[in-house]
Amino acid sequence: MRILTTDQAVLDHVAARREAIIGRTIDWANINSGSRNAAGLNAVLDALEAVARGLPGAVVERIATQGSTSVADDGSVRTEAHADALKITTRPAAPIQVVLTGHYDTVFGADSRFQTVTTRADGALNGPGVADMKGGISVLLAALEAFETHPDRHGVGWTVLLSPDEEIGSPASAPLLAELGARGHVGLTYEPALADGTLAGARKGSGNYHLIVTGKAAHAGRAFEEGRNAVAGAAMIAAALHGLNGQRDGVTVNVAKISGGGALNVVADNAVVRFNVRVPDKAAADWIDASVRAIAAAPPFEGLTLDLHGGFTRAPKPMDAAQTALFEAVKEAGALLGQPIAWKPSGGVCEGNNLHAAGLPNIDTLGVRGGEIHSDQEFAWPDSFVERAQLSALILCKIASGEIDAAKLKALRMETL
């Protein structure tokens, strides 16, 4: 593998747009788009659509996402609507199909104090979403803008999906990701890399559960024995869930929140236990799900009823043969650019898990180099915007030339399904 003259022209196209790639990221990050901020999400979607319509020959459409259910702190179950996804498609009939995904929501709500981008003394950008992942979306689009100048582009079709709900587990966009993953050959996703450029390799799977505990209210003084305390039951259940830790390698259960109850002189008749599980493989996922459901089927004392909601939102993403071959190809492309590519396992999850579960080999940390995500210290290195866009652009060039054999990678992945 080597950089051809036609490849270099693509790389030069990226480099020439450095300020625009960074500048639009700052503009987008200055618009709050917390996962449940409908107005902010729509504002960012408008801005993304305007850029997408500049891609020559692309079909740009807003895709309605499905609703999802949520459990309120009082145990009521509600239906929640979500913003649209943005789908951008070029050459859907081409023999090789690349799927590129990202999310335009952030973890910072409309009431967050972290709302604007600044530049640190060391030159890093500090702002909500500059790394996770408005910077990644800008890199993604820059790579495509450049690739569309390559003479071999006609053999490769691509589809971009930008979703509004990744930070809350992709409850609305999961079916769209599954559909694209099944149809594509290779996936590229734009979560941030680590500050030194290290990629996420194998990823654990993740599940989110909400257990509604219903008891019976009573006066805590006059008729305590007539009540059935849901909060006490929730605490006992939480202890049982926590006790699953250490029973199987790589499996963790994090009891994140217990809500419910009310006045101190009333026996609590409602509570909700919320918890997350992480697993290294499918066998572990099956074990923990069965263990959770066994606990949820056995109230800790008489008079309580239990109602379990949720489950796995991201399947595990192991380093199978297809993943290993794709990472090695990306490493080779990185070396041509003077970018050492390394990877390591991650307990975190993202859309790459969804795509892998659907049969798509993918690299999911092709975004900017940065760190401290999900905090008000989130940062991205400006030099990494061109660097990472050039990496993705070169990957696309090498898929087009056949030096990265996308069809073979897909076949390898299908062998393990």
Protein backbone atom coordinates (compact mmCIF):
# COMPACT_ATOMS: atom_id res chain seq x y z
CA MET A 1 0.00 0.00 0.00
CA ARG A 2 1.31 3.44 -0.95
CA ILE A 3 -0.02 6.95 -1.47
CA LEU A 4 -0.76 7.50 -5.17
CA THR A 5 -0.90 10.88 -6.87
CA THR A 6 -4.71 10.64 -6.92
CA ASP A 7 -4.71 9.87 -3.19
CA GLN A 8 -2.46 12.84 -2.47
CA ALA A 9 -4.88 15.17 -4.21
CA VAL A 10 -7.59 13.97 -1.82
CA LEU A 11 -5.34 14.52 1.18
CA ASP A 12 -4.46 18.01 -0.05
CA HIS A 13 -8.17 18.79 -0.37
CA VAL A 14 -8.60 18.03 3.33
CA ALA A 15 -5.59 20.08 4.37
CA ALA A 16 -6.80 23.11 2.43
CA ARG A 17 -10.05 23.15 4.42
CA ARG A 18 -8.51 23.08 7.90
CA GLU A 19 -10.10 26.27 9.18
CA ALA A 20 -13.53 25.39 7.85
CA ILE A 21 -13.42 21.91 9.40
CA ILE A 22 -12.55 23.34 12.81
CA GLY A 23 -14.74 26.41 12.50
CA ARG A 24 -17.97 24.56 11.81
CA THR A 25 -17.26 22.27 14.75
CA ILE A 26 -17.07 25.29 17.03
CA ASP A 27 -20.30 26.67 15.57
CA TRP A 28 -22.12 23.37 16.14
CA ALA A 29 -20.71 22.91 19.65
CA ASN A 30 -21.96 26.37 20.62
CA ILE A 31 -25.52 25.09 20.04
CA ASN A 32 -26.72 22.96 22.92
CA SER A 33 -27.97 19.58 21.72
CA GLY A 34 -28.45 17.53 24.83
CA SER A 35 -30.22 14.26 24.03
CA ARG A 36 -33.55 15.58 25.34
CA ASN A 37 -33.26 19.18 24.15
CA ALA A 38 -35.60 19.02 21.16
CA ALA A 39 -35.10 22.62 20.07
CA GLY A 40 -31.31 22.39 20.26
CA LEU A 41 -31.22 19.07 18.42
CA ASN A 42 -33.31 20.51 15.60
CA ALA A 43 -31.05 23.57 15.38
CA VAL A 44 -27.95 21.41 15.02
CA LEU A 45 -29.77 19.18 12.55
CA ASP A 46 -30.52 22.23 10.40
CA ALA A 47 -26.83 23.17 10.43
CA LEU A 48 -25.70 19.65 9.55
CA GLU A 49 -28.22 19.36 6.75
CA ALA A 50 -26.99 22.60 5.21
CA VAL A 51 -23.44 21.21 5.01
CA ALA A 52 -24.62 17.80 3.78
CA ARG A 53 -26.48 19.38 0.88
CA GLY A 54 -23.14 20.67 -0.37
CA LEU A 55 -21.91 17.14 -1.06
CA PRO A 56 -22.16 16.62 -4.84
CA GLY A 57 -24.74 14.06 -5.90
CA ALA A 58 -25.76 13.15 -2.36
CA VAL A 59 -29.34 12.43 -1.40
CA VAL A 60 -30.04 14.06 1.95
CA GLU A 61 -33.11 13.17 3.98
CA ARG A 62 -34.39 13.42 7.51
CA ILE A 63 -35.50 10.06 8.85
CA ALA A 64 -38.10 9.86 11.58
CA THR A 65 -36.91 7.79 14.52
CA GLN A 66 -39.09 5.47 16.55
CA GLY A 67 -40.37 6.47 19.95
CA SER A 68 -39.09 4.83 23.10
CA THR A 69 -40.44 4.18 26.57
CA SER A 70 -38.97 5.61 29.73
CA VAL A 71 -39.64 4.94 33.39
CA ALA A 72 -40.21 8.01 35.57
CA ASP A 73 -39.03 8.21 39.17
CA ASP A 74 -42.58 7.52 40.38
CA GLY A 75 -42.68 4.27 38.41
CA SER A 76 -44.94 5.49 35.62
CA VAL A 77 -44.05 4.36 32.11
CA ARG A 78 -44.07 7.03 29.44
CA THR A 79 -43.60 7.20 25.69
CA GLU A 80 -40.82 9.54 24.58
CA ALA A 81 -40.37 11.07 21.12
CA HIS A 82 -36.94 11.72 19.60
CA ALA A 83 -35.53 14.02 16.96
CA ASP A 84 -34.98 12.91 13.38
CA ALA A 85 -31.83 11.24 12.13
CA LEU A 86 -30.02 12.66 9.11
CA LYS A 87 -29.28 10.21 6.29
CA ILE A 88 -26.93 11.09 3.44
CA THR A 89 -26.53 8.63 0.56
CA THR A 90 -24.41 8.44 -2.56
CA ARG A 91 -24.25 5.61 -5.14
CA PRO A 92 -26.43 3.06 -3.32
CA ALA A 93 -26.06 0.60 -6.23
CA ALA A 94 -22.24 0.57 -6.17
CA PRO A 95 -20.68 -2.87 -5.51
CA ILE A 96 -19.02 -1.76 -2.27
CA GLN A 97 -20.98 0.07 0.42
CA VAL A 98 -19.42 1.99 3.31
CA VAL A 99 -21.51 3.02 6.31
CA LEU A 100 -20.40 6.09 8.25
CA THR A 101 -22.17 6.99 11.49
CA GLY A 102 -22.12 9.63 14.16
CA HIS A 103 -24.38 11.31 16.68
CA TYR A 104 -25.22 14.96 17.08
CA ASP A 105 -26.57 14.76 20.64
CA THR A 106 -24.41 15.42 23.69
CA VAL A 107 -24.62 14.60 27.39
CA PHE A 108 -24.98 18.29 28.27
CA GLY A 109 -28.60 19.35 28.78
CA ALA A 110 -30.11 22.74 28.10
CA ASP A 111 -29.58 23.67 31.76
CA SER A 112 -25.89 22.71 31.79
CA ARG A 113 -23.39 25.43 32.70
CA PHE A 114 -21.09 24.08 29.99
CA GLN A 115 -22.39 25.71 26.82
CA THR A 116 -19.63 27.39 24.82
CA VAL A 117 -16.27 26.65 23.24
CA THR A 118 -13.08 28.29 24.44
CA THR A 119 -9.42 27.77 23.62
CA ARG A 120 -7.14 26.60 26.42
CA ALA A 121 -3.73 28.07 27.04
CA ASP A 122 -2.15 24.99 25.44
CA GLY A 123 -4.21 25.49 22.26
CA ALA A 124 -6.77 22.74 22.81
CA LEU A 125 -10.43 23.46 22.16
CA ASN A 126 -12.56 23.10 25.29
CA GLY A 127 -16.29 22.82 24.71
CA PRO A 128 -19.41 20.62 24.80
CA GLY A 129 -19.19 18.12 21.96
CA VAL A 130 -15.95 19.35 20.40
CA ALA A 131 -14.66 15.78 20.71
CA ASP A 132 -17.83 13.77 21.36
CA MET A 133 -18.72 14.15 18.65
CA LYS A 134 -19.38 17.29 16.67
CA GLY A 135 -15.69 17.33 15.87
CA GLY A 136 -16.05 13.75 14.64
CA ILE A 137 -18.96 14.68 12.39
CA SER A 138 -16.93 17.49 10.86
CA VAL A 139 -14.06 15.05 10.22
CA LEU A 140 -16.48 12.55 8.67
CA LEU A 141 -17.92 15.13 6.27
CA ALA A 142 -14.47 16.50 5.39
CA ALA A 143 -13.28 13.01 4.45
CA LEU A 144 -16.28 12.52 2.17
CA GLU A 145 -15.96 15.96 0.62
CA ALA A 146 -12.39 15.10 -0.31
CA PHE A 147 -13.08 11.50 -1.39
CA GLU A 148 -15.69 12.72 -3.85
CA THR A 149 -12.83 14.22 -5.90
CA HIS A 150 -11.12 10.81 -6.32
CA PRO A 151 -11.38 9.19 -9.79
CA ASP A 152 -12.10 5.73 -8.32
CA ARG A 153 -15.02 6.91 -6.18
CA HIS A 154 -17.66 5.43 -8.50
CA GLY A 155 -17.05 1.88 -7.27
CA VAL A 156 -17.88 2.83 -3.70
CA GLY A 157 -21.24 3.93 -2.41
CA TRP A 158 -21.63 5.36 1.04
CA THR A 159 -24.35 6.14 3.54
CA VAL A 160 -24.04 8.47 6.51
CA LEU A 161 -26.39 8.25 9.48
CA LEU A 162 -26.25 11.02 12.07
CA SER A 163 -28.42 10.11 15.05
CA PRO A 164 -29.97 12.16 17.89
CA ASP A 165 -29.85 9.66 20.75
CA GLU A 166 -26.51 7.84 21.03
CA GLU A 167 -25.76 9.27 24.46
CA ILE A 168 -28.90 7.64 25.88
CA GLY A 169 -28.29 4.24 24.28
CA SER A 170 -29.72 4.79 20.77
CA PRO A 171 -33.25 3.64 21.69
CA ALA A 172 -34.74 5.45 18.69
CA SER A 173 -32.03 4.99 16.06
CA ALA A 174 -31.08 1.36 16.80
CA PRO A 175 -33.29 -0.07 14.01
CA LEU A 176 -31.72 2.32 11.49
CA LEU A 177 -28.22 1.27 12.56
CA ALA A 178 -29.16 -2.40 12.30
CA GLU A 179 -30.55 -1.94 8.79
CA LEU A 180 -27.46 -0.12 7.54
CA GLY A 181 -25.10 -2.54 9.26
CA ALA A 182 -26.70 -5.48 7.51
CA ARG A 183 -26.34 -3.86 4.07
CA GLY A 184 -22.83 -2.41 4.31
CA HIS A 185 -19.38 -3.92 3.83
CA VAL A 186 -17.32 -1.71 6.17
CA GLY A 187 -18.31 0.77 8.87
CA LEU A 188 -16.57 3.95 10.00
CA THR A 189 -17.78 5.68 13.16
CA TYR A 190 -16.52 8.93 14.64
CA GLU A 191 -16.30 8.69 18.39
CA PRO A 192 -13.14 10.49 19.58
CA ALA A 193 -9.86 8.65 19.77
CA LEU A 194 -7.79 9.01 22.89
CA ALA A 195 -5.58 12.09 23.14
CA ASP A 196 -2.63 10.16 21.68
CA GLY A 197 -4.70 8.72 18.82
CA THR A 198 -5.24 5.25 20.29
CA LEU A 199 -8.40 3.57 19.01
CA ALA A 200 -10.92 1.43 20.87
CA GLY A 201 -10.56 -2.22 19.89
CA ALA A 202 -12.78 -4.80 21.55
CA ARG A 203 -15.76 -3.27 23.35
CA LYS A 204 -17.93 -4.69 26.08
CA GLY A 205 -21.68 -4.93 25.69
CA SER A 206 -24.00 -2.80 27.79
CA GLY A 207 -27.52 -3.10 29.16
CA ASN A 208 -29.71 -0.58 31.00
CA TYR A 209 -32.47 -1.79 33.29
CA HIS A 210 -35.23 -0.08 35.28
CA LEU A 211 -37.01 -2.19 37.91
CA ILE A 212 -40.30 -0.77 39.19
CA VAL A 213 -41.08 -1.84 42.76
CA THR A 214 -44.68 -1.40 43.88
CA GLY A 215 -45.72 -1.78 47.51
CA LYS A 216 -48.59 -0.53 49.65
CA ALA A 217 -48.85 2.85 51.33
CA ALA A 218 -49.78 3.14 54.99
CA HIS A 219 -49.38 5.54 57.89
CA ALA A 220 -45.92 4.95 59.31
CA GLY A 221 -47.15 5.41 62.88
CA ARG A 222 -50.75 4.23 63.02
CA ALA A 223 -50.65 1.30 60.59
CA PHE A 224 -47.04 0.54 59.73
CA GLU A 225 -47.68 -3.19 59.61
CA GLU A 226 -50.37 -2.71 56.97
CA GLY A 227 -47.90 -1.16 54.52
CA ARG A 228 -45.39 -2.77 52.21
CA ASN A 229 -42.31 -0.59 51.86
CA ALA A 230 -41.21 -0.39 48.23
CA VAL A 231 -38.06 1.61 49.03
CA ALA A 232 -36.92 -1.02 51.53
CA GLY A 233 -37.58 -3.69 48.95
CA ALA A 234 -35.67 -1.71 46.34
CA ALA A 235 -32.68 -1.47 48.67
CA MET A 236 -32.70 -5.24 49.20
CA ILE A 237 -32.94 -5.82 45.45
CA ALA A 238 -30.09 -3.36 44.84
CA ALA A 239 -27.93 -5.33 47.27
CA ALA A 240 -28.76 -8.56 45.45
CA LEU A 241 -27.86 -7.00 42.12
CA HIS A 242 -24.59 -5.66 43.49
CA GLY A 243 -23.85 -9.15 44.75
CA LEU A 244 -23.65 -10.40 41.16
CA ASN A 245 -20.33 -8.55 40.79
CA GLY A 246 -17.33 -10.86 40.92
CA GLN A 247 -19.30 -13.96 39.98
CA ARG A 248 -18.23 -13.99 36.33
CA ASP A 249 -15.08 -12.55 34.72
CA GLY A 250 -15.56 -9.22 33.03
CA VAL A 251 -19.17 -8.73 34.16
CA THR A 252 -20.09 -5.66 36.19
CA VAL A 253 -23.39 -4.46 37.61
CA ASN A 254 -23.64 -0.80 38.56
CA VAL A 255 -26.69 0.14 40.64
CA ALA A 256 -26.90 3.78 39.62
CA LYS A 257 -30.03 5.14 41.29
CA ILE A 258 -32.92 4.28 43.59
CA SER A 259 -35.87 6.68 43.51
CA GLY A 260 -39.29 6.66 45.12
CA GLY A 261 -41.10 7.20 48.37
CA GLY A 262 -42.16 10.50 49.83
CA ALA A 263 -43.16 11.82 53.24
CA LEU A 264 -41.36 10.38 56.25
CA ASN A 265 -44.61 9.35 57.92
CA VAL A 266 -45.82 7.30 54.93
CA VAL A 267 -44.75 3.76 54.11
CA ALA A 268 -43.41 4.09 50.55
CA ASP A 269 -45.54 2.39 47.94
CA ASN A 270 -43.27 2.98 44.93
CA ALA A 271 -39.61 2.84 44.01
CA VAL A 272 -37.47 2.40 40.91
CA VAL A 273 -34.06 0.73 40.83
CA ARG A 274 -31.92 1.73 37.85
CA PHE A 275 -28.79 -0.18 36.93
CA ASN A 276 -26.31 -0.84 34.13
CA VAL A 277 -24.52 -4.05 33.24
CA ARG A 278 -21.35 -4.55 31.17
CA VAL A 279 -20.27 -7.86 29.62
CA PRO A 280 -17.35 -9.08 27.51
CA ASP A 281 -19.21 -11.58 25.31
CA LYS A 282 -22.58 -13.09 24.44
CA ALA A 283 -22.32 -15.93 26.96
CA ALA A 284 -21.78 -13.40 29.72
CA ALA A 285 -24.67 -11.31 28.42
CA ASP A 286 -26.99 -14.32 28.54
CA TRP A 287 -25.84 -15.14 32.08
CA ILE A 288 -26.31 -11.67 33.53
CA ASP A 289 -29.66 -11.15 31.82
CA ALA A 290 -30.93 -14.44 33.26
CA SER A 291 -29.56 -13.52 36.69
CA VAL A 292 -31.24 -10.11 36.61
CA ARG A 293 -34.55 -11.60 35.55
CA ALA A 294 -34.36 -14.18 38.32
CA ILE A 295 -33.94 -11.42 40.90
CA ALA A 296 -36.77 -9.44 39.30
CA ALA A 297 -39.07 -12.48 39.51
CA ALA A 298 -38.67 -12.90 43.28
CA PRO A 299 -39.87 -10.01 45.48
CA PRO A 300 -37.73 -9.85 48.64
CA PHE A 301 -40.83 -9.94 50.86
CA GLU A 302 -44.57 -10.49 50.59
CA GLY A 303 -46.76 -7.72 49.23
CA LEU A 304 -44.36 -6.28 46.65
CA THR A 305 -44.72 -6.53 42.90
CA LEU A 306 -41.80 -6.09 40.51
CA ASP A 307 -41.88 -4.93 36.89
CA LEU A 308 -38.63 -5.04 34.91
CA HIS A 309 -38.01 -2.74 31.93
CA GLY A 310 -35.02 -2.37 29.64
CA GLY A 311 -32.29 -4.77 28.64
CA PHE A 312 -29.25 -4.81 26.41
CA THR A 313 -28.84 -1.77 24.19
CA ARG A 314 -25.38 -2.65 22.82
CA ALA A 315 -24.10 -6.15 22.13
CA PRO A 316 -20.43 -6.95 22.83
CA LYS A 317 -17.97 -6.15 20.04
CA PRO A 318 -15.05 -8.61 20.23
CA MET A 319 -11.90 -8.50 18.13
CA ASP A 320 -12.92 -11.24 15.72
CA ALA A 321 -11.10 -12.04 12.46
CA ALA A 322 -12.84 -9.30 10.51
CA GLN A 323 -12.16 -6.67 13.14
CA THR A 324 -8.52 -7.67 13.39
CA ALA A 325 -8.03 -7.53 9.61
CA LEU A 326 -9.71 -4.12 9.39
CA PHE A 327 -7.62 -2.67 12.20
CA GLU A 328 -4.44 -3.93 10.55
CA ALA A 329 -5.45 -2.29 7.26
CA VAL A 330 -6.16 1.00 9.04
CA LYS A 331 -2.81 0.73 10.81
CA GLU A 332 -1.11 0.39 7.42
CA ALA A 333 -2.97 3.41 6.06
CA GLY A 334 -2.04 5.41 9.14
CA ALA A 335 1.62 4.54 8.70
CA LEU A 336 1.55 6.08 5.21
CA LEU A 337 0.44 9.34 6.83
CA GLY A 338 2.96 9.17 9.65
CA GLN A 339 0.18 8.38 12.11
CA PRO A 340 0.98 5.42 14.39
CA ILE A 341 -2.26 3.49 14.93
CA ALA A 342 -2.71 1.45 18.09
CA TRP A 343 -5.79 0.11 19.81
CA LYS A 344 -6.84 -1.32 23.13
CA PRO A 345 -10.01 -2.80 24.68
CA SER A 346 -12.67 -0.49 26.05
CA GLY A 347 -15.47 -0.96 28.55
CA GLY A 348 -17.34 1.85 26.81
CA VAL A 349 -19.96 1.32 24.13
CA CYS A 350 -21.14 3.18 21.04
CA GLU A 351 -22.84 2.76 17.68
CA GLY A 352 -19.97 0.53 16.61
CA ASN A 353 -21.45 -2.16 18.87
CA ASN A 354 -24.77 -1.92 17.02
CA LEU A 355 -23.13 -2.08 13.62
CA HIS A 356 -21.00 -5.08 14.57
CA ALA A 357 -24.05 -6.92 15.90
CA ALA A 358 -25.70 -6.39 12.50
CA GLY A 359 -22.74 -7.98 10.73
CA LEU A 360 -20.64 -4.94 9.84
CA PRO A 361 -16.89 -4.85 10.58
CA ASN A 362 -16.11 -1.33 11.73
CA ILE A 363 -13.67 1.09 13.33
CA ASP A 364 -15.55 3.34 15.75
CA THR A 365 -13.02 5.85 17.07
CA LEU A 366 -12.04 7.68 13.91
CA GLY A 367 -12.96 11.07 15.34
CA VAL A 368 -10.63 13.75 16.64
CA ARG A 369 -7.98 13.23 19.29
CA GLY A 370 -9.23 14.53 22.60
CA GLY A 371 -10.35 13.60 26.08
CA GLU A 372 -12.26 14.34 29.29
CA ILE A 373 -15.49 13.68 27.42
CA HIS A 374 -18.78 13.84 29.36
CA SER A 375 -17.30 16.54 31.57
CA ASP A 376 -16.83 20.30 31.40
CA GLN A 377 -13.15 19.63 30.68
CA GLU A 378 -13.90 17.99 27.31
CA PHE A 379 -11.23 18.94 24.80
CA ALA A 380 -10.00 18.31 21.26
CA TRP A 381 -6.62 19.03 19.66
CA PRO A 382 -7.05 21.33 16.62
CA ASP A 383 -4.28 19.63 14.64
CA SER A 384 -6.14 16.35 14.85
CA PHE A 385 -9.05 17.54 12.69
CA VAL A 386 -7.06 17.47 9.45
CA GLU A 387 -5.02 14.49 10.64
CA ARG A 388 -8.06 12.32 11.28
CA ALA A 389 -10.00 13.49 8.21
CA GLN A 390 -7.00 12.55 6.08
CA LEU A 391 -6.90 9.11 7.69
CA SER A 392 -10.55 8.48 6.84
CA ALA A 393 -10.14 9.90 3.35
CA LEU A 394 -7.19 7.58 2.69
CA ILE A 395 -9.13 4.59 4.04
CA LEU A 396 -11.88 5.40 1.53
CA CYS A 397 -9.35 5.74 -1.29
CA LYS A 398 -7.86 2.34 -0.44
CA ILE A 399 -11.30 0.74 -0.28
CA ALA A 400 -11.98 2.19 -3.72
CA SER A 401 -8.71 0.80 -5.10
CA GLY A 402 -9.32 -2.61 -3.51
CA GLU A 403 -6.17 -2.41 -1.40
CA ILE A 404 -8.54 -2.60 1.57
CA ASP A 405 -10.76 -5.49 0.51
CA ALA A 406 -14.15 -4.52 1.91
CA ALA A 407 -15.96 -7.51 0.45
CA LYS A 408 -13.51 -9.91 2.11
CA LEU A 409 -13.86 -8.13 5.44
CA LYS A 410 -17.64 -8.47 5.24
CA ALA A 411 -17.33 -12.16 4.40
CA LEU A 412 -15.05 -12.72 7.39
CA ARG A 413 -17.60 -11.03 9.66
CA MET A 414 -20.46 -13.11 8.30
CA GLU A 415 -18.55 -16.31 9.09
CA THR A 416 -18.82 -15.52 12.82
CA LEU A 417 -22.54 -14.66 12.88
